[in-house]
Amino acid sequence: MTPDEAREMISAALLTVAPDAELGDVAPDADLREELDLDSIDFQAYAAELGRRSGREVTEEDQRRLTTLAAGMTFLTR
């Protein structure tokens, strides 16, 4: 998966839990929970949706690392 494809997948997954999010304004290293005002349930839903879309298992350890766009892109492109 390319970085652009990863970013698109992350954006699509985030929009399922935060449909009004302005993702173009979010810096790659900004904490998604703070920038998009995601509570823990929203963040878990995002991680589950990212796992569903990518076909990868997202463990609790992975969830702790998926807090930024950059980290999500690294997760998906490795």
C-alpha atoms as a PDB file:
ATOM      1  CA  MET A   1       0.000   0.000   0.000  1.00  0.00           C
ATOM      2  CA  THR A   2       1.312   3.442  -0.883  1.00  0.00           C
ATOM      3  CA  PRO A   3       1.340   6.326   1.610  1.00  0.00           C
ATOM      4  CA  ASP A   4      -1.389   8.084  -0.405  1.00  0.00           C
ATOM      5  CA  GLU A   5      -3.589   4.974  -0.324  1.00  0.00           C
ATOM      6  CA  ALA A   6      -2.964   4.660   3.424  1.00  0.00           C
ATOM      7  CA  ARG A   7      -3.954   8.289   4.013  1.00  0.00           C
ATOM      8  CA  GLU A   8      -7.143   7.813   1.987  1.00  0.00           C
ATOM      9  CA  MET A   9      -8.027   4.700   3.981  1.00  0.00           C
ATOM     10  CA  ILE A  10      -7.390   6.486   7.275  1.00  0.00           C
ATOM     11  CA  SER A  11      -9.506   9.426   6.155  1.00  0.00           C
ATOM     12  CA  ALA A  12     -12.376   7.150   5.141  1.00  0.00           C
ATOM     13  CA  ALA A  13     -12.207   5.275   8.456  1.00  0.00           C
ATOM     14  CA  LEU A  14     -12.128   8.521  10.446  1.00  0.00           C
ATOM     15  CA  LEU A  15     -15.080   9.945   8.540  1.00  0.00           C
ATOM     16  CA  THR A  16     -17.209   6.993   9.653  1.00  0.00           C
ATOM     17  CA  VAL A  17     -16.848   8.135  13.283  1.00  0.00           C
ATOM     18  CA  ALA A  18     -16.377  11.878  12.734  1.00  0.00           C
ATOM     19  CA  PRO A  19     -18.326  12.709   9.564  1.00  0.00           C
ATOM     20  CA  ASP A  20     -17.842  16.470   9.930  1.00  0.00           C
ATOM     21  CA  ALA A  21     -14.079  16.270  10.431  1.00  0.00           C
ATOM     22  CA  GLU A  22     -11.868  18.585   8.395  1.00  0.00           C
ATOM     23  CA  LEU A  23      -9.014  16.145   7.879  1.00  0.00           C
ATOM     24  CA  GLY A  24      -7.085  18.463   5.576  1.00  0.00           C
ATOM     25  CA  ASP A  25      -6.432  20.690   8.571  1.00  0.00           C
ATOM     26  CA  VAL A  26      -4.962  17.910  10.727  1.00  0.00           C
ATOM     27  CA  ALA A  27      -1.160  17.849  10.887  1.00  0.00           C
ATOM     28  CA  PRO A  28       0.448  14.417  10.374  1.00  0.00           C
ATOM     29  CA  ASP A  29       1.784  14.313  13.948  1.00  0.00           C
ATOM     30  CA  ALA A  30      -1.252  15.835  15.676  1.00  0.00           C
ATOM     31  CA  ASP A  31      -3.172  13.653  18.108  1.00  0.00           C
ATOM     32  CA  LEU A  32      -6.330  12.621  16.263  1.00  0.00           C
ATOM     33  CA  ARG A  33      -8.270  12.276  19.514  1.00  0.00           C
ATOM     34  CA  GLU A  34      -7.635  15.908  20.405  1.00  0.00           C
ATOM     35  CA  GLU A  35      -7.882  17.384  16.911  1.00  0.00           C
ATOM     36  CA  LEU A  36     -11.153  15.625  16.075  1.00  0.00           C
ATOM     37  CA  ASP A  37     -12.548  15.525  19.612  1.00  0.00           C
ATOM     38  CA  LEU A  38     -12.798  11.717  19.617  1.00  0.00           C
ATOM     39  CA  ASP A  39     -13.738   9.994  22.839  1.00  0.00           C
ATOM     40  CA  SER A  40     -12.436   6.500  23.618  1.00  0.00           C
ATOM     41  CA  ILE A  41     -15.437   4.767  22.008  1.00  0.00           C
ATOM     42  CA  ASP A  42     -15.049   6.824  18.816  1.00  0.00           C
ATOM     43  CA  PHE A  43     -11.341   6.054  18.703  1.00  0.00           C
ATOM     44  CA  GLN A  44     -11.952   2.327  19.147  1.00  0.00           C
ATOM     45  CA  ALA A  45     -14.556   2.474  16.373  1.00  0.00           C
ATOM     46  CA  TYR A  46     -12.015   4.214  14.132  1.00  0.00           C
ATOM     47  CA  ALA A  47      -9.376   1.542  14.861  1.00  0.00           C
ATOM     48  CA  ALA A  48     -11.886  -1.246  14.190  1.00  0.00           C
ATOM     49  CA  GLU A  49     -12.949   0.397  10.924  1.00  0.00           C
ATOM     50  CA  LEU A  50      -9.326   0.808   9.874  1.00  0.00           C
ATOM     51  CA  GLY A  51      -8.782  -2.879  10.582  1.00  0.00           C
ATOM     52  CA  ARG A  52     -11.877  -3.838   8.606  1.00  0.00           C
ATOM     53  CA  ARG A  53     -10.896  -1.720   5.618  1.00  0.00           C
ATOM     54  CA  SER A  54      -7.272  -2.857   5.597  1.00  0.00           C
ATOM     55  CA  GLY A  55      -7.887  -6.505   6.402  1.00  0.00           C
ATOM     56  CA  ARG A  56      -5.366  -6.269   9.227  1.00  0.00           C
ATOM     57  CA  GLU A  57      -5.880  -7.098  12.863  1.00  0.00           C
ATOM     58  CA  VAL A  58      -5.608  -4.004  15.034  1.00  0.00           C
ATOM     59  CA  THR A  59      -4.500  -5.063  18.493  1.00  0.00           C
ATOM     60  CA  GLU A  60      -4.727  -2.992  21.669  1.00  0.00           C
ATOM     61  CA  GLU A  61      -1.023  -2.251  21.287  1.00  0.00           C
ATOM     62  CA  ASP A  62      -1.639  -1.029  17.731  1.00  0.00           C
ATOM     63  CA  GLN A  63      -4.487   1.181  18.939  1.00  0.00           C
ATOM     64  CA  ARG A  64      -2.114   2.935  21.337  1.00  0.00           C
ATOM     65  CA  ARG A  65       0.109   3.803  18.373  1.00  0.00           C
ATOM     66  CA  LEU A  66      -2.596   4.884  15.897  1.00  0.00           C
ATOM     67  CA  THR A  67      -3.095   8.273  17.489  1.00  0.00           C
ATOM     68  CA  THR A  68      -1.717  10.294  14.550  1.00  0.00           C
ATOM     69  CA  LEU A  69      -2.098  10.254  10.779  1.00  0.00           C
ATOM     70  CA  ALA A  70       1.624   9.551  10.437  1.00  0.00           C
ATOM     71  CA  ALA A  71       1.428   6.557  12.785  1.00  0.00           C
ATOM     72  CA  GLY A  72      -1.581   5.194  10.923  1.00  0.00           C
ATOM     73  CA  MET A  73       0.236   5.530   7.620  1.00  0.00           C
ATOM     74  CA  THR A  74       3.246   3.710   9.041  1.00  0.00           C
ATOM     75  CA  PHE A  75       0.978   0.938  10.348  1.00  0.00           C
ATOM     76  CA  LEU A  76      -0.683   0.466   6.967  1.00  0.00           C
ATOM     77  CA  THR A  77       2.445   0.695   4.807  1.00  0.00           C
ATOM     78  CA  ARG A  78       4.715  -1.623   6.786  1.00  0.00           C
END
